[in-house]
Amino acid sequence: MIIPIPYVQCGIGVLAILLSLPLVLRIIPMNRRYGIRVREAFASQRNWYEINAYGGKLLLAFGVFMLAFGYLGRDYAPPPNSAWAPVFLVIPLLSLAPVFARIKAFARQLPEH
């Protein structure tokens, strides 16, 4: 069974939202498996929570964007077996690039102690 592209986009949105909430709420302690893992985050507990809360908020916004994009674009989505289906899926995912760039820029502003 082939899953329609808007369902995939909404699923990515829901997953991003669910993964971002513990980060926003600052309940994930420093670890090497889950969270925003940039060098600056491991400099201190304060940096870990600041960077993860900020990154979690951006990831939450991305999740809401993907959910809205999938829902609002459902009438415009190509069929799953169309050559345009990967394009319709990948284009909104490109919005993750500025999210990661903003997280890295934020992390560079924090003190390294």
N, C-alpha and C. Protein backbone atom coordinates (compact mmCIF):
# COMPACT_ATOMS: atom_id res chain seq x y z
N MET A 1 0.84 -1.19 0.00
CA MET A 1 0.00 0.00 0.00
C MET A 1 0.88 1.24 0.00
N ILE A 2 0.58 2.16 -0.86
CA ILE A 2 1.32 3.42 -0.96
C ILE A 2 0.58 4.48 -0.15
N ILE A 3 1.33 5.16 0.70
CA ILE A 3 0.73 6.17 1.57
C ILE A 3 0.72 7.51 0.84
N PRO A 4 -0.42 8.20 0.81
CA PRO A 4 -0.47 9.52 0.16
C PRO A 4 0.50 10.50 0.82
N ILE A 5 1.09 11.36 0.01
CA ILE A 5 2.10 12.31 0.46
C ILE A 5 1.60 13.20 1.61
N PRO A 6 0.38 13.74 1.55
CA PRO A 6 -0.07 14.57 2.68
C PRO A 6 -0.09 13.82 4.01
N TYR A 7 -0.38 12.54 3.98
CA TYR A 7 -0.36 11.75 5.22
C TYR A 7 1.08 11.65 5.76
N VAL A 8 2.01 11.48 4.85
CA VAL A 8 3.42 11.41 5.26
C VAL A 8 3.85 12.75 5.86
N GLN A 9 3.48 13.85 5.20
CA GLN A 9 3.83 15.18 5.71
C GLN A 9 3.22 15.42 7.08
N CYS A 10 1.96 15.07 7.24
CA CYS A 10 1.31 15.24 8.55
C CYS A 10 1.97 14.34 9.60
N GLY A 11 2.35 13.14 9.20
CA GLY A 11 3.03 12.24 10.12
C GLY A 11 4.37 12.79 10.56
N ILE A 12 5.12 13.38 9.63
CA ILE A 12 6.40 14.01 9.97
C ILE A 12 6.15 15.17 10.92
N GLY A 13 5.10 15.94 10.67
CA GLY A 13 4.75 17.06 11.54
C GLY A 13 4.43 16.61 12.95
N VAL A 14 3.62 15.60 13.08
CA VAL A 14 3.24 15.08 14.40
C VAL A 14 4.49 14.53 15.12
N LEU A 15 5.32 13.81 14.39
CA LEU A 15 6.54 13.27 14.99
C LEU A 15 7.46 14.39 15.48
N ALA A 16 7.63 15.43 14.67
CA ALA A 16 8.47 16.56 15.06
C ALA A 16 7.91 17.25 16.30
N ILE A 17 6.60 17.40 16.36
CA ILE A 17 5.97 18.03 17.53
C ILE A 17 6.20 17.18 18.78
N LEU A 18 5.97 15.88 18.65
CA LEU A 18 6.15 15.00 19.81
C LEU A 18 7.60 14.95 20.29
N LEU A 19 8.55 14.99 19.35
CA LEU A 19 9.96 14.97 19.74
C LEU A 19 10.41 16.30 20.33
N SER A 20 9.76 17.38 19.94
CA SER A 20 10.18 18.71 20.40
C SER A 20 9.67 19.05 21.80
N LEU A 21 8.54 18.51 22.18
CA LEU A 21 7.94 18.91 23.46
C LEU A 21 8.83 18.66 24.67
N PRO A 22 9.47 17.49 24.81
CA PRO A 22 10.36 17.31 25.97
C PRO A 22 11.54 18.28 25.96
N LEU A 23 11.98 18.68 24.77
CA LEU A 23 13.08 19.63 24.68
C LEU A 23 12.64 21.02 25.13
N VAL A 24 11.47 21.43 24.67
CA VAL A 24 10.93 22.74 25.05
C VAL A 24 10.69 22.79 26.56
N LEU A 25 10.21 21.70 27.12
CA LEU A 25 9.90 21.65 28.55
C LEU A 25 11.15 21.44 29.42
N ARG A 26 12.30 21.28 28.78
CA ARG A 26 13.59 21.13 29.49
C ARG A 26 13.62 19.93 30.42
N ILE A 27 13.05 18.82 29.98
CA ILE A 27 13.04 17.63 30.84
C ILE A 27 14.02 16.55 30.39
N ILE A 28 14.78 16.83 29.35
CA ILE A 28 15.76 15.86 28.87
C ILE A 28 17.14 16.25 29.39
N PRO A 29 17.72 15.44 30.28
CA PRO A 29 19.06 15.76 30.78
C PRO A 29 20.11 15.55 29.69
N MET A 30 21.29 16.10 29.93
CA MET A 30 22.38 15.98 28.97
C MET A 30 22.66 14.50 28.70
N ASN A 31 22.69 14.16 27.41
CA ASN A 31 22.96 12.79 26.99
C ASN A 31 23.48 12.81 25.57
N ARG A 32 23.88 11.70 25.06
CA ARG A 32 24.43 11.63 23.71
C ARG A 32 23.47 11.00 22.70
N ARG A 33 22.21 10.76 23.10
CA ARG A 33 21.27 10.10 22.20
C ARG A 33 20.11 10.98 21.75
N TYR A 34 19.62 11.83 22.60
CA TYR A 34 18.39 12.58 22.30
C TYR A 34 18.57 14.03 22.68
N GLY A 35 18.30 14.88 21.73
CA GLY A 35 18.43 16.31 21.96
C GLY A 35 19.21 16.96 20.84
N ILE A 36 19.46 18.24 21.00
CA ILE A 36 20.25 18.99 20.02
C ILE A 36 21.71 18.77 20.39
N ARG A 37 22.38 17.99 19.59
CA ARG A 37 23.75 17.60 19.92
C ARG A 37 24.75 18.39 19.08
N VAL A 38 25.03 19.59 19.56
CA VAL A 38 26.10 20.39 18.98
C VAL A 38 27.17 20.54 20.07
N ARG A 39 28.37 20.83 19.66
CA ARG A 39 29.49 20.91 20.60
C ARG A 39 29.20 21.85 21.76
N GLU A 40 28.61 23.00 21.47
CA GLU A 40 28.34 24.00 22.50
C GLU A 40 27.36 23.51 23.56
N ALA A 41 26.48 22.59 23.20
CA ALA A 41 25.49 22.08 24.15
C ALA A 41 26.15 21.27 25.27
N PHE A 42 27.28 20.67 24.98
CA PHE A 42 27.95 19.84 25.97
C PHE A 42 28.93 20.63 26.84
N ALA A 43 28.99 21.95 26.65
CA ALA A 43 29.91 22.78 27.44
C ALA A 43 29.44 22.91 28.88
N SER A 44 28.12 22.92 29.11
CA SER A 44 27.59 23.05 30.47
C SER A 44 26.13 22.63 30.49
N GLN A 45 25.62 22.39 31.68
CA GLN A 45 24.20 22.05 31.84
C GLN A 45 23.33 23.20 31.34
N ARG A 46 23.74 24.44 31.68
CA ARG A 46 22.96 25.61 31.26
C ARG A 46 22.86 25.66 29.74
N ASN A 47 24.00 25.49 29.06
CA ASN A 47 23.99 25.50 27.60
C ASN A 47 23.10 24.39 27.04
N TRP A 48 23.20 23.20 27.65
CA TRP A 48 22.39 22.07 27.18
C TRP A 48 20.91 22.44 27.17
N TYR A 49 20.43 22.95 28.29
CA TYR A 49 19.00 23.25 28.39
C TYR A 49 18.61 24.45 27.53
N GLU A 50 19.47 25.46 27.45
CA GLU A 50 19.15 26.63 26.62
C GLU A 50 19.07 26.25 25.14
N ILE A 51 20.07 25.54 24.66
CA ILE A 51 20.12 25.15 23.25
C ILE A 51 18.99 24.19 22.91
N ASN A 52 18.71 23.24 23.79
CA ASN A 52 17.64 22.28 23.52
C ASN A 52 16.26 22.92 23.58
N ALA A 53 16.07 23.86 24.50
CA ALA A 53 14.78 24.56 24.56
C ALA A 53 14.57 25.40 23.30
N TYR A 54 15.61 26.11 22.88
CA TYR A 54 15.52 26.93 21.67
C TYR A 54 15.30 26.04 20.44
N GLY A 55 16.11 25.00 20.32
CA GLY A 55 15.96 24.09 19.19
C GLY A 55 14.62 23.37 19.20
N GLY A 56 14.14 23.04 20.40
CA GLY A 56 12.83 22.40 20.51
C GLY A 56 11.71 23.31 20.03
N LYS A 57 11.82 24.60 20.33
CA LYS A 57 10.80 25.55 19.86
C LYS A 57 10.81 25.64 18.34
N LEU A 58 12.00 25.68 17.75
CA LEU A 58 12.08 25.72 16.29
C LEU A 58 11.58 24.42 15.67
N LEU A 59 11.89 23.29 16.30
CA LEU A 59 11.40 22.00 15.81
C LEU A 59 9.88 21.91 15.96
N LEU A 60 9.35 22.47 17.03
CA LEU A 60 7.91 22.52 17.22
C LEU A 60 7.26 23.34 16.10
N ALA A 61 7.85 24.49 15.78
CA ALA A 61 7.33 25.32 14.69
C ALA A 61 7.39 24.58 13.36
N PHE A 62 8.50 23.86 13.14
CA PHE A 62 8.61 23.05 11.92
C PHE A 62 7.53 21.98 11.87
N GLY A 63 7.26 21.33 13.00
CA GLY A 63 6.22 20.31 13.05
C GLY A 63 4.84 20.87 12.73
N VAL A 64 4.55 22.04 13.29
CA VAL A 64 3.26 22.68 13.00
C VAL A 64 3.19 23.05 11.51
N PHE A 65 4.31 23.56 10.97
CA PHE A 65 4.37 23.89 9.54
C PHE A 65 4.09 22.65 8.69
N MET A 66 4.75 21.53 9.00
CA MET A 66 4.55 20.32 8.21
C MET A 66 3.12 19.80 8.31
N LEU A 67 2.57 19.88 9.51
CA LEU A 67 1.19 19.44 9.71
C LEU A 67 0.24 20.30 8.88
N ALA A 68 0.44 21.61 8.93
CA ALA A 68 -0.41 22.53 8.16
C ALA A 68 -0.20 22.35 6.66
N PHE A 69 1.07 22.19 6.25
CA PHE A 69 1.37 22.01 4.84
C PHE A 69 0.69 20.75 4.30
N GLY A 70 0.81 19.66 5.06
CA GLY A 70 0.19 18.41 4.63
C GLY A 70 -1.32 18.51 4.56
N TYR A 71 -1.91 19.17 5.54
CA TYR A 71 -3.37 19.28 5.57
C TYR A 71 -3.87 20.24 4.49
N LEU A 72 -3.27 21.42 4.43
CA LEU A 72 -3.74 22.42 3.47
C LEU A 72 -3.38 22.09 2.03
N GLY A 73 -2.31 21.32 1.83
CA GLY A 73 -1.90 20.98 0.48
C GLY A 73 -2.44 19.67 -0.02
N ARG A 74 -3.33 19.05 0.74
CA ARG A 74 -3.82 17.71 0.36
C ARG A 74 -4.53 17.70 -0.99
N ASP A 75 -5.20 18.79 -1.37
CA ASP A 75 -5.90 18.83 -2.65
C ASP A 75 -4.95 19.06 -3.82
N TYR A 76 -3.74 19.50 -3.53
CA TYR A 76 -2.77 19.83 -4.58
C TYR A 76 -1.68 18.78 -4.71
N ALA A 77 -1.67 17.83 -3.81
CA ALA A 77 -0.61 16.81 -3.81
C ALA A 77 -0.76 15.87 -5.01
N PRO A 78 0.34 15.54 -5.63
CA PRO A 78 0.27 14.56 -6.73
C PRO A 78 0.01 13.16 -6.18
N PRO A 79 -0.44 12.26 -7.00
CA PRO A 79 -0.63 10.88 -6.53
C PRO A 79 0.72 10.30 -6.08
N PRO A 80 0.70 9.37 -5.13
CA PRO A 80 1.96 8.81 -4.61
C PRO A 80 2.87 8.19 -5.66
N ASN A 81 2.33 7.69 -6.74
CA ASN A 81 3.15 7.05 -7.77
C ASN A 81 3.58 8.02 -8.87
N SER A 82 3.29 9.30 -8.71
CA SER A 82 3.68 10.32 -9.69
C SER A 82 5.17 10.64 -9.54
N ALA A 83 5.76 11.09 -10.62
CA ALA A 83 7.17 11.52 -10.58
C ALA A 83 7.33 12.77 -9.73
N TRP A 84 6.25 13.52 -9.53
CA TRP A 84 6.30 14.75 -8.73
C TRP A 84 6.13 14.50 -7.23
N ALA A 85 5.75 13.31 -6.86
CA ALA A 85 5.51 13.00 -5.44
C ALA A 85 6.75 13.24 -4.58
N PRO A 86 7.94 12.79 -4.98
CA PRO A 86 9.12 13.07 -4.13
C PRO A 86 9.40 14.57 -3.99
N VAL A 87 9.15 15.32 -5.05
CA VAL A 87 9.37 16.78 -5.00
C VAL A 87 8.42 17.39 -3.99
N PHE A 88 7.17 16.99 -4.02
CA PHE A 88 6.16 17.54 -3.11
C PHE A 88 6.47 17.16 -1.66
N LEU A 89 7.17 16.07 -1.47
CA LEU A 89 7.56 15.66 -0.12
C LEU A 89 8.84 16.36 0.33
N VAL A 90 9.81 16.49 -0.54
CA VAL A 90 11.12 17.00 -0.16
C VAL A 90 11.13 18.53 0.00
N ILE A 91 10.41 19.24 -0.82
CA ILE A 91 10.45 20.72 -0.78
C ILE A 91 10.16 21.26 0.63
N PRO A 92 9.08 20.84 1.31
CA PRO A 92 8.87 21.38 2.66
C PRO A 92 9.93 20.91 3.66
N LEU A 93 10.54 19.76 3.42
CA LEU A 93 11.59 19.28 4.33
C LEU A 93 12.84 20.16 4.24
N LEU A 94 13.00 20.88 3.15
CA LEU A 94 14.14 21.78 3.01
C LEU A 94 14.09 22.92 4.03
N SER A 95 12.91 23.16 4.59
CA SER A 95 12.80 24.20 5.62
C SER A 95 13.53 23.81 6.91
N LEU A 96 14.00 22.58 7.00
CA LEU A 96 14.81 22.18 8.15
C LEU A 96 16.21 22.81 8.12
N ALA A 97 16.71 23.13 6.94
CA ALA A 97 18.05 23.71 6.83
C ALA A 97 18.17 25.02 7.61
N PRO A 98 17.25 25.98 7.44
CA PRO A 98 17.36 27.20 8.24
C PRO A 98 17.13 26.95 9.73
N VAL A 99 16.34 25.95 10.07
CA VAL A 99 16.14 25.61 11.48
C VAL A 99 17.47 25.20 12.10
N PHE A 100 18.20 24.32 11.43
CA PHE A 100 19.49 23.88 11.96
C PHE A 100 20.50 25.02 11.99
N ALA A 101 20.47 25.88 10.97
CA ALA A 101 21.38 27.02 10.93
C ALA A 101 21.11 27.98 12.10
N ARG A 102 19.85 28.21 12.40
CA ARG A 102 19.50 29.11 13.52
C ARG A 102 19.90 28.50 14.86
N ILE A 103 19.74 27.19 15.00
CA ILE A 103 20.16 26.53 16.24
C ILE A 103 21.67 26.68 16.42
N LYS A 104 22.42 26.44 15.37
CA LYS A 104 23.88 26.54 15.44
C LYS A 104 24.30 27.98 15.75
N ALA A 105 23.65 28.97 15.12
CA ALA A 105 23.97 30.37 15.39
C ALA A 105 23.66 30.73 16.84
N PHE A 106 22.54 30.23 17.35
CA PHE A 106 22.18 30.48 18.75
C PHE A 106 23.22 29.85 19.68
N ALA A 107 23.64 28.63 19.36
CA ALA A 107 24.60 27.93 20.20
C ALA A 107 25.94 28.67 20.25
N ARG A 108 26.33 29.27 19.14
CA ARG A 108 27.60 30.00 19.10
C ARG A 108 27.59 31.24 19.99
N GLN A 109 26.42 31.78 20.27
CA GLN A 109 26.30 32.99 21.10
C GLN A 109 26.50 32.70 22.59
N LEU A 110 26.28 31.46 22.99
CA LEU A 110 26.35 31.12 24.42
C LEU A 110 27.80 30.99 24.87
N PRO A 111 28.04 31.30 26.15
CA PRO A 111 29.40 31.17 26.68
C PRO A 111 29.83 29.70 26.74
N GLU A 112 31.12 29.49 26.58
CA GLU A 112 31.66 28.12 26.62
C GLU A 112 32.24 27.84 28.01
N HIS A 113 31.38 27.55 28.97
CA HIS A 113 31.87 27.18 30.30
C HIS A 113 30.98 26.16 30.94
